[in-house]
C-alpha atoms as a PDB file:
ATOM      1  CA  UNK A   1     102.201  25.258  35.436  1.00  0.00           C
ATOM      2  CA  UNK A   2     100.613  27.329  32.678  1.00  0.00           C
ATOM      3  CA  UNK A   3     101.162  24.493  30.217  1.00  0.00           C
ATOM      4  CA  UNK A   4      99.450  22.061  32.586  1.00  0.00           C
ATOM      5  CA  UNK A   5      96.418  24.319  32.858  1.00  0.00           C
ATOM      6  CA  UNK A   6      96.095  24.575  29.080  1.00  0.00           C
ATOM      7  CA  UNK A   7      96.335  20.830  28.736  1.00  0.00           C
ATOM      8  CA  UNK A   8      93.586  20.318  31.365  1.00  0.00           C
ATOM      9  CA  UNK A   9      91.226  22.769  29.610  1.00  0.00           C
ATOM     10  CA  UNK A  10      91.791  21.082  26.251  1.00  0.00           C
ATOM     11  CA  UNK A  11      91.031  17.682  27.771  1.00  0.00           C
ATOM     12  CA  UNK A  12      87.746  18.892  29.333  1.00  0.00           C
ATOM     13  CA  UNK A  13      86.657  20.530  26.049  1.00  0.00           C
ATOM     14  CA  UNK A  14      87.252  17.302  24.079  1.00  0.00           C
ATOM     15  CA  UNK A  15      85.328  15.262  26.713  1.00  0.00           C
ATOM     16  CA  UNK A  16      82.269  17.538  26.496  1.00  0.00           C
ATOM     17  CA  UNK A  17      82.245  17.313  22.701  1.00  0.00           C
ATOM     18  CA  UNK A  18      82.368  13.502  22.849  1.00  0.00           C
ATOM     19  CA  UNK A  19      79.431  13.389  25.304  1.00  0.00           C
ATOM     20  CA  UNK A  20      77.335  15.646  23.073  1.00  0.00           C
ATOM     21  CA  UNK A  21      78.011  13.520  20.013  1.00  0.00           C
ATOM     22  CA  UNK A  22      77.064  10.325  21.887  1.00  0.00           C
ATOM     23  CA  UNK A  23      73.684  11.766  23.032  1.00  0.00           C
ATOM     24  CA  UNK A  24      72.923  12.906  19.506  1.00  0.00           C
ATOM     25  CA  UNK A  25      73.598   9.430  18.126  1.00  0.00           C
ATOM     26  CA  UNK A  26      71.164   7.851  20.614  1.00  0.00           C
ATOM     27  CA  UNK A  27      68.159  10.058  19.561  1.00  0.00           C
ATOM     28  CA  UNK A  28      65.455   8.239  17.374  1.00  0.00           C
ATOM     29  CA  UNK A  29      65.295   9.388  13.808  1.00  0.00           C
ATOM     30  CA  UNK A  30      62.264   9.261  11.427  1.00  0.00           C
ATOM     31  CA  UNK A  31      62.157   6.012   9.487  1.00  0.00           C
ATOM     32  CA  UNK A  32      62.482   6.727   5.807  1.00  0.00           C
ATOM     33  CA  UNK A  33      59.529   5.606   3.654  1.00  0.00           C
ATOM     34  CA  UNK A  34      60.367   3.913   0.399  1.00  0.00           C
ATOM     35  CA  UNK A  35      58.588   4.729  -2.853  1.00  0.00           C
ATOM     36  CA  UNK A  36      56.401   7.405  -1.247  1.00  0.00           C
ATOM     37  CA  UNK A  37      54.949   9.542  -4.045  1.00  0.00           C
ATOM     38  CA  UNK A  38      54.906  13.219  -3.844  1.00  0.00           C
ATOM     39  CA  UNK A  39      51.820  14.689  -2.171  1.00  0.00           C
ATOM     40  CA  UNK A  40      49.044  15.612  -4.580  1.00  0.00           C
ATOM     41  CA  UNK A  41      45.987  17.766  -3.934  1.00  0.00           C
ATOM     42  CA  UNK A  42      42.939  15.819  -2.691  1.00  0.00           C
ATOM     43  CA  UNK A  43      40.152  15.551  -5.265  1.00  0.00           C
ATOM     44  CA  UNK A  44      36.715  16.430  -3.866  1.00  0.00           C
ATOM     45  CA  UNK A  45      34.054  13.701  -4.241  1.00  0.00           C
ATOM     46  CA  UNK A  46      30.390  14.675  -4.603  1.00  0.00           C
ATOM     47  CA  UNK A  47      28.034  13.431  -1.867  1.00  0.00           C
ATOM     48  CA  UNK A  48      25.989  11.466  -4.397  1.00  0.00           C
ATOM     49  CA  UNK A  49      29.072   9.517  -5.522  1.00  0.00           C
ATOM     50  CA  UNK A  50      29.947   8.374  -1.994  1.00  0.00           C
ATOM     51  CA  UNK A  51      27.138   5.790  -1.944  1.00  0.00           C
ATOM     52  CA  UNK A  52      27.911   2.663  -3.903  1.00  0.00           C
ATOM     53  CA  UNK A  53      25.892  -0.465  -4.536  1.00  0.00           C
ATOM     54  CA  UNK A  54      22.341  -1.057  -5.783  1.00  0.00           C
ATOM     55  CA  UNK A  55      21.002  -1.794  -2.294  1.00  0.00           C
ATOM     56  CA  UNK A  56      21.645   1.720  -1.002  1.00  0.00           C
ATOM     57  CA  UNK A  57      18.491   3.738  -0.226  1.00  0.00           C
ATOM     58  CA  UNK A  58      18.403   6.910  -2.325  1.00  0.00           C
ATOM     59  CA  UNK A  59      17.753  10.252  -0.644  1.00  0.00           C
ATOM     60  CA  UNK A  60      14.141  10.897   0.297  1.00  0.00           C
ATOM     61  CA  UNK A  61      13.876  14.085  -1.743  1.00  0.00           C
ATOM     62  CA  UNK A  62      14.528  12.160  -4.982  1.00  0.00           C
ATOM     63  CA  UNK A  63      12.538   9.035  -4.167  1.00  0.00           C
ATOM     64  CA  UNK A  64       9.354  10.696  -2.850  1.00  0.00           C
ATOM     65  CA  UNK A  65       8.186  12.317  -6.139  1.00  0.00           C
ATOM     66  CA  UNK A  66       8.831   9.114  -8.097  1.00  0.00           C
ATOM     67  CA  UNK A  67       6.834   7.006  -5.631  1.00  0.00           C
ATOM     68  CA  UNK A  68       3.674   9.076  -5.987  1.00  0.00           C
ATOM     69  CA  UNK A  69       3.994  10.186  -9.589  1.00  0.00           C
ATOM     70  CA  UNK A  70       0.658   9.384 -11.321  1.00  0.00           C
ATOM     71  CA  UNK A  71       0.882   6.805 -14.055  1.00  0.00           C
ATOM     72  CA  UNK A  72      -1.661   4.931 -16.159  1.00  0.00           C
ATOM     73  CA  UNK A  73      -2.090   1.495 -14.624  1.00  0.00           C
ATOM     74  CA  UNK A  74      -0.562  -1.454 -16.478  1.00  0.00           C
ATOM     75  CA  UNK A  75      -2.765  -3.899 -14.537  1.00  0.00           C
ATOM     76  CA  UNK A  76      -6.022  -3.078 -16.363  1.00  0.00           C
ATOM     77  CA  UNK A  77      -6.201  -2.449 -20.100  1.00  0.00           C
ATOM     78  CA  UNK A  78      -8.656  -2.792 -22.952  1.00  0.00           C
ATOM     79  CA  UNK A  79      -9.451  -6.483 -23.399  1.00  0.00           C
ATOM     80  CA  UNK A  80      -8.613  -7.458 -19.807  1.00  0.00           C
ATOM     81  CA  UNK A  81     -11.333  -9.210 -17.791  1.00  0.00           C
ATOM     82  CA  UNK A  82     -11.480  -9.408 -13.994  1.00  0.00           C
ATOM     83  CA  UNK A  83     -13.749 -11.403 -11.697  1.00  0.00           C
ATOM     84  CA  UNK A  84     -14.171 -10.405  -8.030  1.00  0.00           C
ATOM     85  CA  UNK A  85     -15.515 -12.799  -5.400  1.00  0.00           C
ATOM     86  CA  UNK A  86     -16.154 -10.907  -2.200  1.00  0.00           C
ATOM     87  CA  UNK A  87     -17.808 -10.647   1.199  1.00  0.00           C
ATOM     88  CA  UNK A  88     -19.910  -7.569   1.856  1.00  0.00           C
ATOM     89  CA  UNK A  89     -19.679  -6.017   5.323  1.00  0.00           C
ATOM     90  CA  UNK A  90     -21.484  -3.140   7.088  1.00  0.00           C
ATOM     91  CA  UNK A  91     -24.772  -3.498   5.244  1.00  0.00           C
ATOM     92  CA  UNK A  92     -27.743  -1.225   6.043  1.00  0.00           C
ATOM     93  CA  UNK A  93     -30.324  -2.619   8.469  1.00  0.00           C
ATOM     94  CA  UNK A  94     -33.487  -1.713   6.542  1.00  0.00           C
ATOM     95  CA  UNK A  95     -34.750   0.503   9.358  1.00  0.00           C
ATOM     96  CA  UNK A  96     -34.572  -2.007  12.221  1.00  0.00           C
ATOM     97  CA  UNK A  97     -32.557  -1.395  15.384  1.00  0.00           C
ATOM     98  CA  UNK A  98     -29.139  -3.032  15.788  1.00  0.00           C
ATOM     99  CA  UNK A  99     -29.186  -3.788  19.542  1.00  0.00           C
ATOM    100  CA  UNK A 100     -28.989  -7.559  19.435  1.00  0.00           C
ATOM    101  CA  UNK A 101     -32.230  -8.253  17.555  1.00  0.00           C
ATOM    102  CA  UNK A 102     -30.937  -8.150  13.986  1.00  0.00           C
ATOM    103  CA  UNK A 103     -29.011 -11.172  12.738  1.00  0.00           C
ATOM    104  CA  UNK A 104     -27.353 -11.388   9.348  1.00  0.00           C
ATOM    105  CA  UNK A 105     -24.406 -12.993   7.599  1.00  0.00           C
ATOM    106  CA  UNK A 106     -21.970 -11.103   5.346  1.00  0.00           C
ATOM    107  CA  UNK A 107     -23.270 -10.473   1.848  1.00  0.00           C
ATOM    108  CA  UNK A 108     -21.900 -12.621  -0.964  1.00  0.00           C
ATOM    109  CA  UNK A 109     -20.995 -10.745  -4.152  1.00  0.00           C
ATOM    110  CA  UNK A 110     -19.721 -11.738  -7.570  1.00  0.00           C
ATOM    111  CA  UNK A 111     -18.609  -8.930  -9.908  1.00  0.00           C
ATOM    112  CA  UNK A 112     -17.236  -8.853 -13.445  1.00  0.00           C
ATOM    113  CA  UNK A 113     -15.267  -6.019 -15.072  1.00  0.00           C
ATOM    114  CA  UNK A 114     -13.870  -5.821 -18.619  1.00  0.00           C
ATOM    115  CA  UNK A 115     -11.716  -3.084 -20.137  1.00  0.00           C
ATOM    116  CA  UNK A 116     -13.498  -1.589 -23.156  1.00  0.00           C
ATOM    117  CA  UNK A 117     -12.124   1.923 -23.845  1.00  0.00           C
ATOM    118  CA  UNK A 118      -8.636   3.430 -23.657  1.00  0.00           C
ATOM    119  CA  UNK A 119      -7.472   6.923 -24.534  1.00  0.00           C
ATOM    120  CA  UNK A 120     -10.107   8.915 -22.641  1.00  0.00           C
ATOM    121  CA  UNK A 121      -7.775  10.511 -20.150  1.00  0.00           C
ATOM    122  CA  UNK A 122      -4.869   8.564 -18.678  1.00  0.00           C
ATOM    123  CA  UNK A 123      -6.912   5.556 -17.553  1.00  0.00           C
ATOM    124  CA  UNK A 124      -9.132   2.764 -18.886  1.00  0.00           C
ATOM    125  CA  UNK A 125     -12.927   2.468 -18.827  1.00  0.00           C
ATOM    126  CA  UNK A 126     -14.433  -0.865 -17.834  1.00  0.00           C
ATOM    127  CA  UNK A 127     -17.972  -2.242 -18.058  1.00  0.00           C
ATOM    128  CA  UNK A 128     -19.451  -5.156 -16.179  1.00  0.00           C
ATOM    129  CA  UNK A 129     -21.920  -6.084 -13.493  1.00  0.00           C
ATOM    130  CA  UNK A 130     -22.458  -7.394  -9.982  1.00  0.00           C
ATOM    131  CA  UNK A 131     -24.817  -9.873  -8.355  1.00  0.00           C
ATOM    132  CA  UNK A 132     -25.199 -10.112  -4.601  1.00  0.00           C
ATOM    133  CA  UNK A 133     -27.116 -12.044  -1.961  1.00  0.00           C
ATOM    134  CA  UNK A 134     -27.800 -11.277   1.707  1.00  0.00           C
ATOM    135  CA  UNK A 135     -30.215 -12.725   4.278  1.00  0.00           C
ATOM    136  CA  UNK A 136     -31.546 -11.126   7.478  1.00  0.00           C
ATOM    137  CA  UNK A 137     -33.549 -12.180  10.504  1.00  0.00           C
ATOM    138  CA  UNK A 138     -35.111  -9.849  13.026  1.00  0.00           C
ATOM    139  CA  UNK A 139     -36.433 -11.019  16.407  1.00  0.00           C
ATOM    140  CA  UNK A 140     -39.048  -8.662  17.781  1.00  0.00           C
ATOM    141  CA  UNK A 141     -38.218  -7.597  21.364  1.00  0.00           C
ATOM    142  CA  UNK A 142     -40.154  -9.284  24.195  1.00  0.00           C
ATOM    143  CA  UNK A 143     -41.995 -11.623  21.808  1.00  0.00           C
ATOM    144  CA  UNK A 144     -41.552 -14.963  20.105  1.00  0.00           C
ATOM    145  CA  UNK A 145     -42.199 -13.387  16.713  1.00  0.00           C
ATOM    146  CA  UNK A 146     -39.648 -12.669  14.033  1.00  0.00           C
ATOM    147  CA  UNK A 147     -39.276 -11.426  10.467  1.00  0.00           C
ATOM    148  CA  UNK A 148     -36.932 -12.771   7.815  1.00  0.00           C
ATOM    149  CA  UNK A 149     -36.059 -11.352   4.432  1.00  0.00           C
ATOM    150  CA  UNK A 150     -33.637 -11.814   1.582  1.00  0.00           C
ATOM    151  CA  UNK A 151     -32.043  -9.151  -0.610  1.00  0.00           C
ATOM    152  CA  UNK A 152     -30.760  -9.969  -4.085  1.00  0.00           C
ATOM    153  CA  UNK A 153     -29.188  -7.252  -6.242  1.00  0.00           C
ATOM    154  CA  UNK A 154     -28.449  -7.351  -9.945  1.00  0.00           C
ATOM    155  CA  UNK A 155     -26.725  -4.250 -11.321  1.00  0.00           C
ATOM    156  CA  UNK A 156     -24.532  -3.128 -14.173  1.00  0.00           C
ATOM    157  CA  UNK A 157     -21.312  -1.309 -13.311  1.00  0.00           C
ATOM    158  CA  UNK A 158     -19.075   1.197 -15.075  1.00  0.00           C
ATOM    159  CA  UNK A 159     -15.532   1.700 -13.763  1.00  0.00           C
ATOM    160  CA  UNK A 160     -12.586   3.975 -14.450  1.00  0.00           C
ATOM    161  CA  UNK A 161      -9.143   2.522 -13.702  1.00  0.00           C
ATOM    162  CA  UNK A 162      -6.229   4.868 -13.043  1.00  0.00           C
ATOM    163  CA  UNK A 163      -3.140   4.036 -11.006  1.00  0.00           C
ATOM    164  CA  UNK A 164      -2.072   6.905  -8.733  1.00  0.00           C
ATOM    165  CA  UNK A 165       1.279   5.237  -7.960  1.00  0.00           C
ATOM    166  CA  UNK A 166       4.068   3.603  -9.957  1.00  0.00           C
ATOM    167  CA  UNK A 167       3.501   0.194  -8.332  1.00  0.00           C
ATOM    168  CA  UNK A 168       2.911  -2.233 -11.250  1.00  0.00           C
ATOM    169  CA  UNK A 169       0.931  -4.628  -9.022  1.00  0.00           C
ATOM    170  CA  UNK A 170      -1.686  -2.085  -7.940  1.00  0.00           C
ATOM    171  CA  UNK A 171      -4.967  -1.263  -9.694  1.00  0.00           C
ATOM    172  CA  UNK A 172      -7.001   1.659  -8.309  1.00  0.00           C
ATOM    173  CA  UNK A 173     -10.444   2.505  -9.654  1.00  0.00           C
ATOM    174  CA  UNK A 174     -13.838   4.078  -9.014  1.00  0.00           C
ATOM    175  CA  UNK A 175     -17.263   3.581 -10.503  1.00  0.00           C
ATOM    176  CA  UNK A 176     -21.052   3.685 -10.451  1.00  0.00           C
ATOM    177  CA  UNK A 177     -23.668   0.931 -10.519  1.00  0.00           C
ATOM    178  CA  UNK A 178     -27.344   0.846 -11.502  1.00  0.00           C
ATOM    179  CA  UNK A 179     -29.908  -1.966 -11.466  1.00  0.00           C
ATOM    180  CA  UNK A 180     -32.603  -3.621  -9.369  1.00  0.00           C
ATOM    181  CA  UNK A 181     -32.928  -4.997  -5.853  1.00  0.00           C
ATOM    182  CA  UNK A 182     -35.313  -7.854  -5.147  1.00  0.00           C
ATOM    183  CA  UNK A 183     -36.666  -8.111  -1.582  1.00  0.00           C
ATOM    184  CA  UNK A 184     -38.409 -11.232  -0.254  1.00  0.00           C
ATOM    185  CA  UNK A 185     -39.988 -10.810   3.192  1.00  0.00           C
ATOM    186  CA  UNK A 186     -41.634 -13.256   5.536  1.00  0.00           C
ATOM    187  CA  UNK A 187     -43.253 -11.932   8.731  1.00  0.00           C
ATOM    188  CA  UNK A 188     -44.271 -14.206  11.609  1.00  0.00           C
ATOM    189  CA  UNK A 189     -46.376 -11.670  13.515  1.00  0.00           C
ATOM    190  CA  UNK A 190     -49.728 -12.261  15.163  1.00  0.00           C
ATOM    191  CA  UNK A 191     -51.828  -9.417  13.746  1.00  0.00           C
ATOM    192  CA  UNK A 192     -52.601  -8.438  10.190  1.00  0.00           C
ATOM    193  CA  UNK A 193     -51.693  -4.803  10.924  1.00  0.00           C
ATOM    194  CA  UNK A 194     -48.165  -5.779  11.917  1.00  0.00           C
ATOM    195  CA  UNK A 195     -47.818  -8.030   8.869  1.00  0.00           C
ATOM    196  CA  UNK A 196     -48.782  -5.167   6.547  1.00  0.00           C
ATOM    197  CA  UNK A 197     -46.374  -2.833   8.327  1.00  0.00           C
ATOM    198  CA  UNK A 198     -43.339  -4.992   7.484  1.00  0.00           C
ATOM    199  CA  UNK A 199     -44.332  -6.078   3.981  1.00  0.00           C
ATOM    200  CA  UNK A 200     -41.792  -5.062   1.375  1.00  0.00           C
ATOM    201  CA  UNK A 201     -41.638  -7.754  -1.281  1.00  0.00           C
ATOM    202  CA  UNK A 202     -40.880  -6.822  -4.865  1.00  0.00           C
ATOM    203  CA  UNK A 203     -38.364  -5.112  -7.111  1.00  0.00           C
ATOM    204  CA  UNK A 204     -36.835  -1.749  -6.286  1.00  0.00           C
ATOM    205  CA  UNK A 205     -34.426   0.564  -8.079  1.00  0.00           C
ATOM    206  CA  UNK A 206     -30.849   0.111  -6.853  1.00  0.00           C
ATOM    207  CA  UNK A 207     -27.784   2.253  -7.493  1.00  0.00           C
ATOM    208  CA  UNK A 208     -24.319   2.652  -6.074  1.00  0.00           C
ATOM    209  CA  UNK A 209     -21.139   4.709  -6.014  1.00  0.00           C
ATOM    210  CA  UNK A 210     -17.847   3.090  -5.034  1.00  0.00           C
ATOM    211  CA  UNK A 211     -14.041   3.244  -5.075  1.00  0.00           C
ATOM    212  CA  UNK A 212     -11.656   0.332  -4.835  1.00  0.00           C
ATOM    213  CA  UNK A 213      -8.128  -1.006  -5.089  1.00  0.00           C
ATOM    214  CA  UNK A 214      -6.785  -4.327  -6.253  1.00  0.00           C
ATOM    215  CA  UNK A 215      -3.312  -5.733  -5.483  1.00  0.00           C
ATOM    216  CA  UNK A 216      -1.986  -8.615  -7.582  1.00  0.00           C
ATOM    217  CA  UNK A 217      -0.116 -11.328  -5.699  1.00  0.00           C
ATOM    218  CA  UNK A 218       0.645 -13.221  -8.928  1.00  0.00           C
ATOM    219  CA  UNK A 219       0.162 -12.483 -12.621  1.00  0.00           C
ATOM    220  CA  UNK A 220      -3.528 -13.485 -12.415  1.00  0.00           C
ATOM    221  CA  UNK A 221      -4.595 -13.661  -8.752  1.00  0.00           C
ATOM    222  CA  UNK A 222      -4.980 -10.736  -6.374  1.00  0.00           C
ATOM    223  CA  UNK A 223      -6.923  -9.295  -3.426  1.00  0.00           C
ATOM    224  CA  UNK A 224      -9.318  -6.350  -3.556  1.00  0.00           C
ATOM    225  CA  UNK A 225     -11.220  -3.960  -1.324  1.00  0.00           C
ATOM    226  CA  UNK A 226     -14.074  -1.559  -2.132  1.00  0.00           C
ATOM    227  CA  UNK A 227     -15.858   1.146  -0.173  1.00  0.00           C
ATOM    228  CA  UNK A 228     -19.105   2.837  -1.111  1.00  0.00           C
ATOM    229  CA  UNK A 229     -22.498   1.253  -1.549  1.00  0.00           C
ATOM    230  CA  UNK A 230     -24.267  -1.141  -3.861  1.00  0.00           C
ATOM    231  CA  UNK A 231     -24.730  -4.328  -1.825  1.00  0.00           C
ATOM    232  CA  UNK A 232     -22.786  -3.192   1.272  1.00  0.00           C
ATOM    233  CA  UNK A 233     -20.589  -0.363   2.484  1.00  0.00           C
ATOM    234  CA  UNK A 234     -17.399  -2.451   2.440  1.00  0.00           C
ATOM    235  CA  UNK A 235     -16.361  -5.420   0.317  1.00  0.00           C
ATOM    236  CA  UNK A 236     -13.241  -7.558   0.649  1.00  0.00           C
ATOM    237  CA  UNK A 237     -12.247 -10.555  -1.416  1.00  0.00           C
ATOM    238  CA  UNK A 238     -10.185 -12.163  -4.170  1.00  0.00           C
ATOM    239  CA  UNK A 239      -9.703 -11.267  -7.839  1.00  0.00           C
ATOM    240  CA  UNK A 240      -8.850 -13.255 -10.953  1.00  0.00           C
ATOM    241  CA  UNK A 241      -7.613 -11.607 -14.170  1.00  0.00           C
ATOM    242  CA  UNK A 242      -7.738 -13.107 -17.657  1.00  0.00           C
ATOM    243  CA  UNK A 243      -7.980 -12.113 -21.331  1.00  0.00           C
END
């Protein structure tokens, strides 16, 4: 009886060991990786090196100073000649009211500028001139009478060209002008007193102060704009550059 009990205990112990080994064999094991190199410390990469390619936009703090860094303009130098053909807008009204009675077309202007001096400061000095034409007509209120006149200006101009940006297509400049203005009036009024009141024919001293910018669309042709006064308060038009 004692021998039977020992045999039974031995049998149960062997069965439990077999069950444990079978469960262990069925557990998933990590798949070995072939040719896996030993781990190495990660090398830190600077933020500036993470961007690759020429089309990436650089950070604003490095691009902003370069964009507005002053530089002598390459678009206007000694020996360069430029012709401007423009329309003058916002002209003065010669003292008449503007409530529907004054009629005028935009002024026509033709200006010439040639680079003559370099080395005085960072820019280039230019000399040239401007000629302009503008016609007016004024209808007197509550009458059939009117007055017409023509303004023609002929002035010399001195300019200073200095590019405030690094854009090679831009030409920024300022200048002064001095010359004469010819006025030709014709008054269709009924009384001699009124005719004398609006008489203003003759030559008058003319002067101006202006600032402008020119943007080249091709090597020779560009567009320009000027503010100030000589023939009008605003001029817009086309430019042609040659040597």
